[in-house]
Amino acid sequence: MAGQRAARKDAPRSEEQVEDRDAERIGSVVTVGLFIGPLLVGWMTDVTGSYTKPFELCALICLVGSAASFLCVVPRPAEIPTTAEAGTSTSTA
C-alpha cells in the first residue's frame, strides 16, 4: 500500500490536476478570511467604538493585495517534446 502511495505521489500530474489543487488552496484561504474577517471587524468595533479603524484595515488589506498582484508573472508553458520529435532520428546508415 505504501508503494502505491509513493508511486501516485511521484506520478506526473496533468495541468488540470495542478490547477484544481491551486484552486482548492485559494478556496481554503478565502474561507478562512470569510470566517475571521467579520469576527475581527466586530472585535475592533467593540474595542474602538467606531467602524473607522476596521474599514481602514480592510482598505489596507485591499491595497496590499492589489500591490501584490503586480508581482505576479505569467507562467511559461512546459516544454514537452512531442512523440514525433522524440521518436525520429536524423542519422542515416
C-alpha atoms as a PDB file:
ATOM      1  CA  MET A   1       0.000   0.000   0.000  1.00  0.00           C
ATOM      2  CA  ALA A   2       2.832   2.422   0.842  1.00  0.00           C
ATOM      3  CA  GLY A   3       4.456   1.658  -2.516  1.00  0.00           C
ATOM      4  CA  GLN A   4       1.257   2.573  -4.309  1.00  0.00           C
ATOM      5  CA  ARG A   5       1.063   5.878  -2.449  1.00  0.00           C
ATOM      6  CA  ALA A   6       4.648   6.702  -3.345  1.00  0.00           C
ATOM      7  CA  ALA A   7       4.040   5.816  -6.972  1.00  0.00           C
ATOM      8  CA  ARG A   8       0.939   8.004  -7.119  1.00  0.00           C
ATOM      9  CA  LYS A   9       2.717  10.853  -5.365  1.00  0.00           C
ATOM     10  CA  ASP A  10       5.598  10.829  -7.845  1.00  0.00           C
ATOM     11  CA  ALA A  11       3.393  10.362 -10.904  1.00  0.00           C
ATOM     12  CA  PRO A  12       3.367  13.308 -13.281  1.00  0.00           C
ATOM     13  CA  ARG A  13       0.284  15.437 -12.865  1.00  0.00           C
ATOM     14  CA  SER A  14      -1.763  16.873 -15.652  1.00  0.00           C
ATOM     15  CA  GLU A  15      -2.184  20.622 -15.939  1.00  0.00           C
ATOM     16  CA  GLU A  16      -5.838  20.302 -14.902  1.00  0.00           C
ATOM     17  CA  GLN A  17      -4.898  18.479 -11.697  1.00  0.00           C
ATOM     18  CA  VAL A  18      -2.397  21.191 -10.789  1.00  0.00           C
ATOM     19  CA  GLU A  19      -4.974  23.917 -11.478  1.00  0.00           C
ATOM     20  CA  ASP A  20      -7.568  22.072  -9.360  1.00  0.00           C
ATOM     21  CA  ARG A  21      -5.123  21.805  -6.462  1.00  0.00           C
ATOM     22  CA  ASP A  22      -4.282  25.513  -6.723  1.00  0.00           C
ATOM     23  CA  ALA A  23      -7.988  26.394  -6.774  1.00  0.00           C
ATOM     24  CA  GLU A  24      -8.523  24.328  -3.620  1.00  0.00           C
ATOM     25  CA  ARG A  25      -5.736  26.206  -1.832  1.00  0.00           C
ATOM     26  CA  ILE A  26      -7.141  29.579  -2.848  1.00  0.00           C
ATOM     27  CA  GLY A  27     -10.600  28.464  -1.747  1.00  0.00           C
ATOM     28  CA  SER A  28      -9.229  27.480   1.653  1.00  0.00           C
ATOM     29  CA  VAL A  29      -7.593  30.876   2.156  1.00  0.00           C
ATOM     30  CA  VAL A  30     -10.786  32.674   1.137  1.00  0.00           C
ATOM     31  CA  THR A  31     -12.855  30.536   3.506  1.00  0.00           C
ATOM     32  CA  VAL A  32     -10.571  31.335   6.437  1.00  0.00           C
ATOM     33  CA  GLY A  33     -10.743  35.041   5.561  1.00  0.00           C
ATOM     34  CA  LEU A  34     -14.525  34.954   5.346  1.00  0.00           C
ATOM     35  CA  PHE A  35     -14.663  33.321   8.764  1.00  0.00           C
ATOM     36  CA  ILE A  36     -12.142  35.538  10.556  1.00  0.00           C
ATOM     37  CA  GLY A  37     -12.945  38.866   8.833  1.00  0.00           C
ATOM     38  CA  PRO A  38     -16.319  39.597  10.434  1.00  0.00           C
ATOM     39  CA  LEU A  39     -15.094  38.437  13.834  1.00  0.00           C
ATOM     40  CA  LEU A  40     -12.070  40.724  13.625  1.00  0.00           C
ATOM     41  CA  VAL A  41     -14.118  43.710  12.428  1.00  0.00           C
ATOM     42  CA  GLY A  42     -16.688  43.163  15.200  1.00  0.00           C
ATOM     43  CA  TRP A  43     -13.993  42.902  17.848  1.00  0.00           C
ATOM     44  CA  MET A  44     -12.214  46.020  16.567  1.00  0.00           C
ATOM     45  CA  THR A  45     -15.516  47.918  16.532  1.00  0.00           C
ATOM     46  CA  ASP A  46     -16.214  46.882  20.139  1.00  0.00           C
ATOM     47  CA  VAL A  47     -12.732  47.918  21.258  1.00  0.00           C
ATOM     48  CA  THR A  48     -12.530  51.240  19.388  1.00  0.00           C
ATOM     49  CA  GLY A  49     -16.236  52.144  19.457  1.00  0.00           C
ATOM     50  CA  SER A  50     -16.085  53.103  15.788  1.00  0.00           C
ATOM     51  CA  TYR A  51     -16.126  51.457  12.381  1.00  0.00           C
ATOM     52  CA  THR A  52     -13.320  53.725  11.159  1.00  0.00           C
ATOM     53  CA  LYS A  53     -10.337  51.549  12.138  1.00  0.00           C
ATOM     54  CA  PRO A  54     -11.855  48.270  10.852  1.00  0.00           C
ATOM     55  CA  PHE A  55     -12.617  49.909   7.500  1.00  0.00           C
ATOM     56  CA  GLU A  56      -9.112  51.330   7.341  1.00  0.00           C
ATOM     57  CA  LEU A  57      -7.736  47.841   7.996  1.00  0.00           C
ATOM     58  CA  CYS A  58      -9.882  46.409   5.190  1.00  0.00           C
ATOM     59  CA  ALA A  59      -8.680  49.159   2.847  1.00  0.00           C
ATOM     60  CA  LEU A  60      -5.067  48.434   3.774  1.00  0.00           C
ATOM     61  CA  ILE A  61      -5.519  44.719   3.101  1.00  0.00           C
ATOM     62  CA  CYS A  62      -7.048  45.538  -0.311  1.00  0.00           C
ATOM     63  CA  LEU A  63      -4.164  47.870  -1.155  1.00  0.00           C
ATOM     64  CA  VAL A  64      -1.572  45.263  -0.194  1.00  0.00           C
ATOM     65  CA  GLY A  65      -3.382  42.647  -2.268  1.00  0.00           C
ATOM     66  CA  SER A  66      -3.608  44.875  -5.313  1.00  0.00           C
ATOM     67  CA  ALA A  67       0.058  45.853  -4.976  1.00  0.00           C
ATOM     68  CA  ALA A  68       0.991  42.176  -4.704  1.00  0.00           C
ATOM     69  CA  SER A  69      -0.899  41.442  -7.931  1.00  0.00           C
ATOM     70  CA  PHE A  70       1.701  43.485  -9.800  1.00  0.00           C
ATOM     71  CA  LEU A  71       4.340  40.982  -8.668  1.00  0.00           C
ATOM     72  CA  CYS A  72       2.568  38.133 -10.477  1.00  0.00           C
ATOM     73  CA  VAL A  73       4.137  36.811 -13.660  1.00  0.00           C
ATOM     74  CA  VAL A  74       2.645  34.722 -16.419  1.00  0.00           C
ATOM     75  CA  PRO A  75       3.966  31.160 -16.125  1.00  0.00           C
ATOM     76  CA  ARG A  76       5.811  29.771 -19.102  1.00  0.00           C
ATOM     77  CA  PRO A  77       4.327  26.647 -20.649  1.00  0.00           C
ATOM     78  CA  ALA A  78       6.304  23.480 -20.052  1.00  0.00           C
ATOM     79  CA  GLU A  79       8.388  22.363 -22.982  1.00  0.00           C
ATOM     80  CA  ILE A  80       7.281  18.802 -23.611  1.00  0.00           C
ATOM     81  CA  PRO A  81       8.657  17.109 -26.727  1.00  0.00           C
ATOM     82  CA  THR A  82       6.018  15.626 -28.968  1.00  0.00           C
ATOM     83  CA  THR A  83       6.170  11.956 -29.862  1.00  0.00           C
ATOM     84  CA  ALA A  84       7.181  12.849 -33.419  1.00  0.00           C
ATOM     85  CA  GLU A  85      10.206  14.819 -32.181  1.00  0.00           C
ATOM     86  CA  ALA A  86      11.224  12.206 -29.630  1.00  0.00           C
ATOM     87  CA  GLY A  87      10.906   9.195 -31.944  1.00  0.00           C
ATOM     88  CA  THR A  88      12.605  10.462 -35.086  1.00  0.00           C
ATOM     89  CA  SER A  89      16.267  10.070 -35.845  1.00  0.00           C
ATOM     90  CA  THR A  90      18.179  12.117 -38.404  1.00  0.00           C
ATOM     91  CA  SER A  91      21.161   9.785 -38.796  1.00  0.00           C
ATOM     92  CA  THR A  92      21.361   7.623 -41.928  1.00  0.00           C
ATOM     93  CA  ALA A  93      23.420   4.494 -42.350  1.00  0.00           C
END
